[in-house]
Protein backbone atom coordinates (compact mmCIF):
# COMPACT_ATOMS: atom_id res chain seq x y z
CA MET A 1 156.45 65.87 26.24
CA HIS A 2 152.82 66.72 25.86
CA ALA A 3 150.29 64.03 24.86
CA ILE A 4 146.69 63.89 23.89
CA GLY A 5 144.10 62.00 25.80
CA ILE A 6 140.65 61.01 24.37
CA ASP A 7 137.90 59.74 26.59
CA ILE A 8 135.03 58.07 24.56
CA GLY A 9 131.73 57.83 26.44
CA GLY A 10 128.27 56.72 25.41
CA THR A 11 127.10 60.27 24.81
CA LYS A 12 130.18 62.47 24.39
CA ILE A 13 133.89 62.28 23.38
CA ALA A 14 136.20 64.40 25.47
CA GLY A 15 139.81 65.25 24.35
CA ALA A 16 142.67 67.26 25.80
CA VAL A 17 146.38 68.06 25.42
CA VAL A 18 148.02 67.09 28.74
CA THR A 19 151.48 67.88 30.13
CA GLU A 20 153.71 65.39 31.81
CA LEU A 21 152.53 66.92 35.15
CA GLY A 22 148.90 66.10 34.33
CA GLU A 23 147.92 69.74 33.47
CA ILE A 24 145.42 70.30 30.63
CA LEU A 25 146.54 72.82 28.06
CA ALA A 26 143.74 72.56 25.60
CA GLU A 27 140.46 70.57 25.34
CA ASP A 28 137.61 69.68 23.03
CA ARG A 29 134.21 67.95 23.37
CA ARG A 30 131.68 66.62 20.95
CA PRO A 31 128.69 64.22 20.77
CA THR A 32 129.53 60.47 20.33
CA PRO A 33 127.97 58.93 17.15
CA ALA A 34 127.55 55.81 19.25
CA GLY A 35 125.73 53.69 16.54
CA ASP A 36 128.36 54.09 13.85
CA PRO A 37 131.86 52.65 14.50
CA ASP A 38 133.40 54.41 11.46
CA ALA A 39 132.01 57.80 12.50
CA ILE A 40 133.48 57.32 15.97
CA VAL A 41 136.99 56.68 14.52
CA ASP A 42 136.51 59.76 12.22
CA ALA A 43 135.46 61.98 15.15
CA VAL A 44 138.42 60.84 17.26
CA VAL A 45 140.85 61.47 14.39
CA ASP A 46 139.41 64.92 13.73
CA MET A 47 139.60 65.76 17.45
CA ILE A 48 143.28 64.63 17.64
CA ARG A 49 144.21 66.66 14.57
CA GLY A 50 142.54 69.69 15.88
CA LEU A 51 144.22 69.36 19.29
CA GLU A 52 147.78 68.69 17.90
CA ALA A 53 147.42 71.75 15.71
CA ARG A 54 147.35 73.86 19.00
CA HIS A 55 150.23 72.08 20.83
CA PRO A 56 153.03 69.68 19.53
CA VAL A 57 152.50 66.15 20.76
CA ARG A 58 154.05 62.69 19.97
CA ALA A 59 151.51 60.33 21.44
CA ALA A 60 147.70 60.01 21.84
CA GLY A 61 145.82 57.73 24.17
CA VAL A 62 142.17 56.68 23.69
CA ALA A 63 140.13 55.52 26.63
CA ALA A 64 136.98 53.55 25.82
CA PRO A 65 134.37 51.68 27.98
CA GLY A 66 134.42 47.86 27.68
CA PHE A 67 136.94 45.07 27.23
CA ILE A 68 140.29 45.97 25.62
CA ASP A 69 142.81 43.20 24.65
CA ALA A 70 146.15 42.83 26.53
CA ALA A 71 147.99 44.36 23.50
CA GLN A 72 145.94 47.58 23.96
CA SER A 73 144.81 47.34 20.33
CA THR A 74 141.39 45.82 19.98
CA VAL A 75 138.11 46.72 21.64
CA TYR A 76 136.49 43.33 22.26
CA TYR A 77 133.14 44.69 23.38
CA THR A 78 131.70 47.92 24.71
CA PRO A 79 128.10 48.06 25.83
CA ASN A 80 126.91 51.49 24.65
CA ILE A 81 128.98 51.83 21.45
CA ALA A 82 128.75 49.64 18.32
CA TRP A 83 132.22 48.19 18.71
CA ARG A 84 132.68 44.39 18.67
CA ASN A 85 136.22 43.06 18.07
CA GLU A 86 137.07 46.40 16.62
CA PRO A 87 140.82 47.01 15.79
CA VAL A 88 140.68 50.59 16.93
CA GLN A 89 144.37 51.10 17.50
CA ARG A 90 145.30 49.81 14.04
CA ARG A 91 142.69 52.05 12.34
CA LEU A 92 143.78 55.19 14.25
CA ALA A 93 147.48 54.48 13.67
CA ALA A 94 146.79 54.19 9.88
CA LEU A 95 145.17 57.54 9.81
CA LEU A 96 147.66 59.21 12.22
CA PRO A 97 150.97 57.42 11.39
CA HIS A 98 153.09 60.18 12.94
CA LEU A 99 151.73 59.50 16.49
CA ASP A 100 152.17 56.68 18.93
CA ILE A 101 148.58 55.50 19.53
CA THR A 102 147.37 53.47 22.48
CA ILE A 103 143.97 52.21 23.54
CA ASP A 104 142.84 51.57 27.12
CA ASN A 105 139.76 50.94 29.22
CA ASP A 106 138.23 54.08 30.44
CA ALA A 107 138.22 53.03 34.13
CA ASN A 108 141.91 52.09 33.89
CA ALA A 109 142.71 55.58 32.51
CA ALA A 110 140.75 57.35 35.26
CA GLY A 111 142.35 55.13 37.90
CA TRP A 112 145.85 55.83 36.49
CA ALA A 113 145.22 59.59 36.55
CA GLU A 114 144.25 59.36 40.25
CA PHE A 115 147.27 57.28 40.99
CA ARG A 116 149.68 59.65 39.21
CA PHE A 117 148.14 63.07 39.88
CA GLY A 118 145.18 62.64 42.27
CA ALA A 119 144.12 60.93 45.46
CA GLY A 120 146.46 57.97 45.11
CA ARG A 121 149.66 59.80 44.23
CA MET A 122 151.38 58.98 47.52
CA SER A 123 150.95 55.25 47.10
CA SER A 124 152.42 52.33 45.27
CA ASP A 125 149.34 50.13 45.51
CA MET A 126 145.96 51.54 44.89
CA THR A 127 142.49 50.23 44.05
CA MET A 128 139.91 52.55 42.55
CA LEU A 129 136.16 51.93 42.36
CA THR A 130 134.09 54.25 40.10
CA ILE A 131 130.51 54.39 41.42
CA GLY A 132 128.29 55.65 38.66
CA THR A 133 125.39 54.05 36.84
CA GLY A 134 127.49 50.80 37.24
CA VAL A 135 130.67 50.06 39.08
CA GLY A 136 134.06 50.40 37.31
CA GLY A 137 137.47 49.85 38.65
CA ALA A 138 141.24 50.10 38.18
CA VAL A 139 144.02 48.41 40.16
CA VAL A 140 147.60 49.58 40.52
CA VAL A 141 150.08 47.13 42.00
CA GLY A 142 153.72 48.05 42.63
CA ASP A 143 153.32 51.30 40.62
CA ARG A 144 152.00 49.45 37.56
CA LEU A 145 148.50 49.30 36.20
CA LEU A 146 147.16 45.70 36.49
CA ARG A 147 145.85 44.57 33.13
CA GLY A 148 145.71 40.73 33.53
CA GLY A 149 146.58 38.04 31.04
CA PHE A 150 143.85 39.01 28.64
CA GLY A 151 143.68 42.71 29.29
CA SER A 152 140.55 42.59 31.37
CA ALA A 153 141.68 42.94 34.96
CA GLY A 154 140.09 45.44 37.24
CA GLU A 155 136.42 44.72 36.31
CA ILE A 156 135.50 45.19 39.91
CA GLY A 157 131.84 45.74 39.19
CA HIS A 158 131.46 42.05 38.42
CA LEU A 159 133.00 40.78 41.62
CA ARG A 160 130.19 38.50 42.95
CA VAL A 161 129.04 39.37 46.53
CA VAL A 162 125.67 37.51 46.70
CA PRO A 163 125.37 33.91 45.49
CA ASN A 164 122.35 33.73 43.17
CA GLY A 165 121.71 37.40 43.80
CA LEU A 166 120.25 39.96 41.46
CA PRO A 167 120.84 39.42 37.76
CA CYS A 168 123.51 41.60 36.30
CA GLY A 169 123.83 42.89 32.74
CA CYS A 170 127.08 40.75 32.28
CA GLY A 171 124.96 37.63 32.50
CA ALA A 172 125.94 36.58 36.07
CA ARG A 173 124.03 37.13 39.27
CA GLY A 174 124.97 38.87 42.49
CA CYS A 175 127.69 41.20 41.13
CA ILE A 176 128.59 44.22 43.26
CA GLU A 177 127.39 46.40 40.39
CA GLN A 178 123.84 45.40 41.41
CA TYR A 179 124.41 46.47 45.11
CA GLY A 180 127.04 49.21 45.01
CA SER A 181 126.17 51.33 41.96
CA GLY A 182 124.17 54.53 41.43
CA ARG A 183 121.38 52.42 39.97
CA ALA A 184 121.44 50.29 43.07
CA LEU A 185 121.19 53.36 45.26
CA LEU A 186 118.07 54.46 43.50
CA ARG A 187 116.57 50.96 44.00
CA MET A 188 117.35 51.03 47.65
CA ALA A 189 115.98 54.54 48.05
CA GLY A 190 112.80 53.45 46.34
CA GLU A 191 112.36 50.52 48.64
CA ILE A 192 112.79 52.76 51.66
CA ALA A 193 110.23 55.13 50.18
CA ASP A 194 107.78 52.31 49.86
CA ALA A 195 108.25 51.33 53.48
CA GLY A 196 107.05 54.75 54.75
CA GLY A 197 108.50 56.04 58.07
CA ILE A 198 111.96 57.53 57.29
CA GLY A 199 111.19 57.30 53.59
CA GLN A 200 108.55 60.04 53.54
CA ALA A 201 110.93 62.64 51.89
CA LEU A 202 112.00 60.10 49.27
CA ALA A 203 108.34 59.20 48.52
CA ALA A 204 107.54 62.89 48.21
CA ALA A 205 110.50 63.45 45.79
CA ARG A 206 109.35 60.45 43.74
CA GLU A 207 105.85 61.81 43.44
CA GLU A 208 107.13 65.22 42.36
CA ARG A 209 109.08 63.50 39.58
CA GLY A 210 106.15 61.55 38.17
CA GLY A 211 106.77 58.41 40.22
CA ARG A 212 110.43 57.91 39.50
CA LEU A 213 113.39 58.81 41.74
CA ASP A 214 116.55 60.10 40.05
CA GLY A 215 120.13 60.74 41.17
CA ASP A 216 119.62 64.45 41.69
CA ALA A 217 116.72 63.91 43.94
CA VAL A 218 118.47 61.29 46.13
CA GLY A 219 121.72 63.23 46.09
CA GLY A 220 119.96 66.37 47.17
CA LEU A 221 118.33 64.58 50.09
CA ILE A 222 121.69 63.11 51.07
CA VAL A 223 123.25 66.59 51.22
CA GLN A 224 120.27 67.60 53.42
CA GLU A 225 120.94 64.56 55.58
CA ASP A 226 117.55 63.15 55.12
CA PRO A 227 117.27 59.99 57.17
CA GLY A 228 115.80 57.86 54.41
CA ALA A 229 118.40 58.89 51.86
CA LEU A 230 121.17 58.39 54.30
CA ALA A 231 119.89 54.91 55.08
CA ALA A 232 120.00 54.06 51.41
CA LEU A 233 123.54 55.37 51.25
CA ARG A 234 124.59 53.33 54.34
CA GLU A 235 123.23 50.16 52.77
CA LEU A 236 125.10 50.92 49.53
CA GLY A 237 128.30 51.65 51.49
CA GLY A 238 127.92 48.38 53.42
CA TRP A 239 128.04 46.38 50.24
CA LEU A 240 131.00 48.39 48.88
CA GLY A 241 132.95 47.83 52.16
CA GLN A 242 132.30 44.13 51.93
CA ALA A 243 133.61 44.03 48.40
CA CYS A 244 136.71 46.12 49.45
CA ALA A 245 137.44 43.57 52.17
CA SER A 246 137.47 40.76 49.52
CA LEU A 247 139.66 42.86 47.24
CA SER A 248 141.94 43.60 50.12
CA ALA A 249 142.55 39.94 50.75
CA VAL A 250 143.82 39.58 47.22
CA LEU A 251 145.31 42.92 46.33
CA ASP A 252 146.27 44.45 49.70
CA PRO A 253 146.08 48.09 48.47
CA GLN A 254 147.35 50.97 50.61
CA ILE A 255 144.59 53.22 49.33
CA PHE A 256 140.97 52.71 48.09
CA VAL A 257 139.83 55.61 45.88
CA PHE A 258 136.16 56.18 45.10
CA GLY A 259 135.14 58.10 41.99
CA GLY A 260 131.97 58.57 40.03
CA GLY A 261 128.78 60.57 40.82
CA VAL A 262 127.97 58.74 44.04
CA ALA A 263 131.36 59.54 45.53
CA ALA A 264 130.28 63.18 45.67
CA ALA A 265 128.64 62.13 48.96
CA GLY A 266 132.19 62.14 50.38
CA GLU A 267 132.47 61.14 54.03
CA ARG A 268 128.80 60.25 54.10
CA LEU A 269 129.69 57.35 51.71
CA LEU A 270 133.16 56.56 53.13
CA HIS A 271 132.05 56.11 56.68
CA PRO A 272 129.75 53.11 56.09
CA VAL A 273 132.33 51.74 53.61
CA ARG A 274 135.00 51.76 56.28
CA GLU A 275 132.69 50.21 58.90
CA SER A 276 131.68 47.34 56.69
CA TYR A 277 135.23 46.87 55.50
CA LEU A 278 136.53 46.37 58.98
CA ALA A 279 133.53 44.08 59.80
CA HIS A 280 134.52 41.74 56.93
CA LEU A 281 138.32 42.12 56.97
CA PRO A 282 140.22 38.86 57.50
CA ALA A 283 142.65 38.93 60.42
CA ARG A 284 141.22 42.17 61.75
CA GLY A 285 143.55 43.77 64.21
CA TYR A 286 146.59 42.27 62.56
CA HIS A 287 146.21 43.64 59.06
CA PRO A 288 147.19 47.30 58.45
CA GLU A 289 144.18 49.32 57.42
CA PRO A 290 144.12 51.08 54.05
CA VAL A 291 143.05 54.68 53.55
CA PHE A 292 139.67 55.40 51.91
CA LEU A 293 139.55 58.58 49.80
CA VAL A 294 137.37 60.26 47.30
CA ALA A 295 138.86 60.87 43.78
CA GLU A 296 140.16 64.32 43.05
CA LEU A 297 140.28 64.68 39.32
CA VAL A 298 136.61 64.04 38.68
CA ASN A 299 135.62 64.69 35.01
CA ASP A 300 139.23 65.17 33.73
CA ALA A 301 140.49 61.85 34.95
CA GLY A 302 139.79 59.94 31.70
CA VAL A 303 141.61 62.28 29.41
CA VAL A 304 144.52 62.84 31.80
CA GLY A 305 145.05 59.18 32.37
CA ALA A 306 144.78 58.24 28.76
CA ALA A 307 147.29 60.95 27.81
CA ASP A 308 149.78 59.88 30.55
CA LEU A 309 149.55 56.21 29.62
CA ALA A 310 150.20 57.07 25.99
CA ARG A 311 153.12 59.27 26.94
CA ILE A 312 154.67 56.42 29.02
CA HIS A 313 154.00 53.88 26.26
CA SER A 314 155.84 56.07 23.75
CA GLY A 315 158.94 55.89 25.91
CA ASP A 316 158.89 59.35 27.40
CA ARG A 317 158.82 58.90 31.12
């Protein structure tokens, strides 16, 4: 059975009709009316109706950023969209009564897509970290997506790695999001630029951009193997490897998958992650080592995962 997946972001809504093999048959994109909760619901309903007119479906899954309750019904909070304790599933189900509607966290949906159809498809236990502006995550244990007692499991970005460290947007201090995200990479690159020496190319790129480094500039220098940019990436990878060692002690995954924009660095990122992981791994030498891989589905992961989770929820396995 085909299903529809909807991925709601801060700036755009993506939708697709997806087969049970994870193949996209039809898709749609439109801007997110982020400041108007009612307009978001209307846009999602309109998108679903347009997609189901092109292919028959029985279920639709919606992936949204933020905290979703364990019943996959209410969006407790999402940072860039005006949803606070919003009963999204109930509202969509009332407007689309012929479809089985499910709601999920966007990182969970992307992680599930990688587990089912991407880099994690040969495993039963996978942990995914999404390295973008922040750090997202998804955890699969024994072939099942880990949701937790309140629906908020897998918020890897808020694993604390530095006591009394840098303040995080969540209200805590020292979260891995402040040391292992795209934003953190830019901060580290800026510090290296300020120090001179190997930071000369970073400093020049910053000057060319009016005094501010961006992801394209740092990413381009990483591809060129600039020493300063690579040093920033190694620092970032070191923090991520330390976090993975802590996660491994609890979750024991077979595979760590890295998605998001920073993961485009590929092996240049994974190498320092592995080194740091081994340096912090409890019982090193006695614990089997997981595989570290880059995500494969990239921008399609959210819609593919949301659709597959909806299909499974509807009873069509």
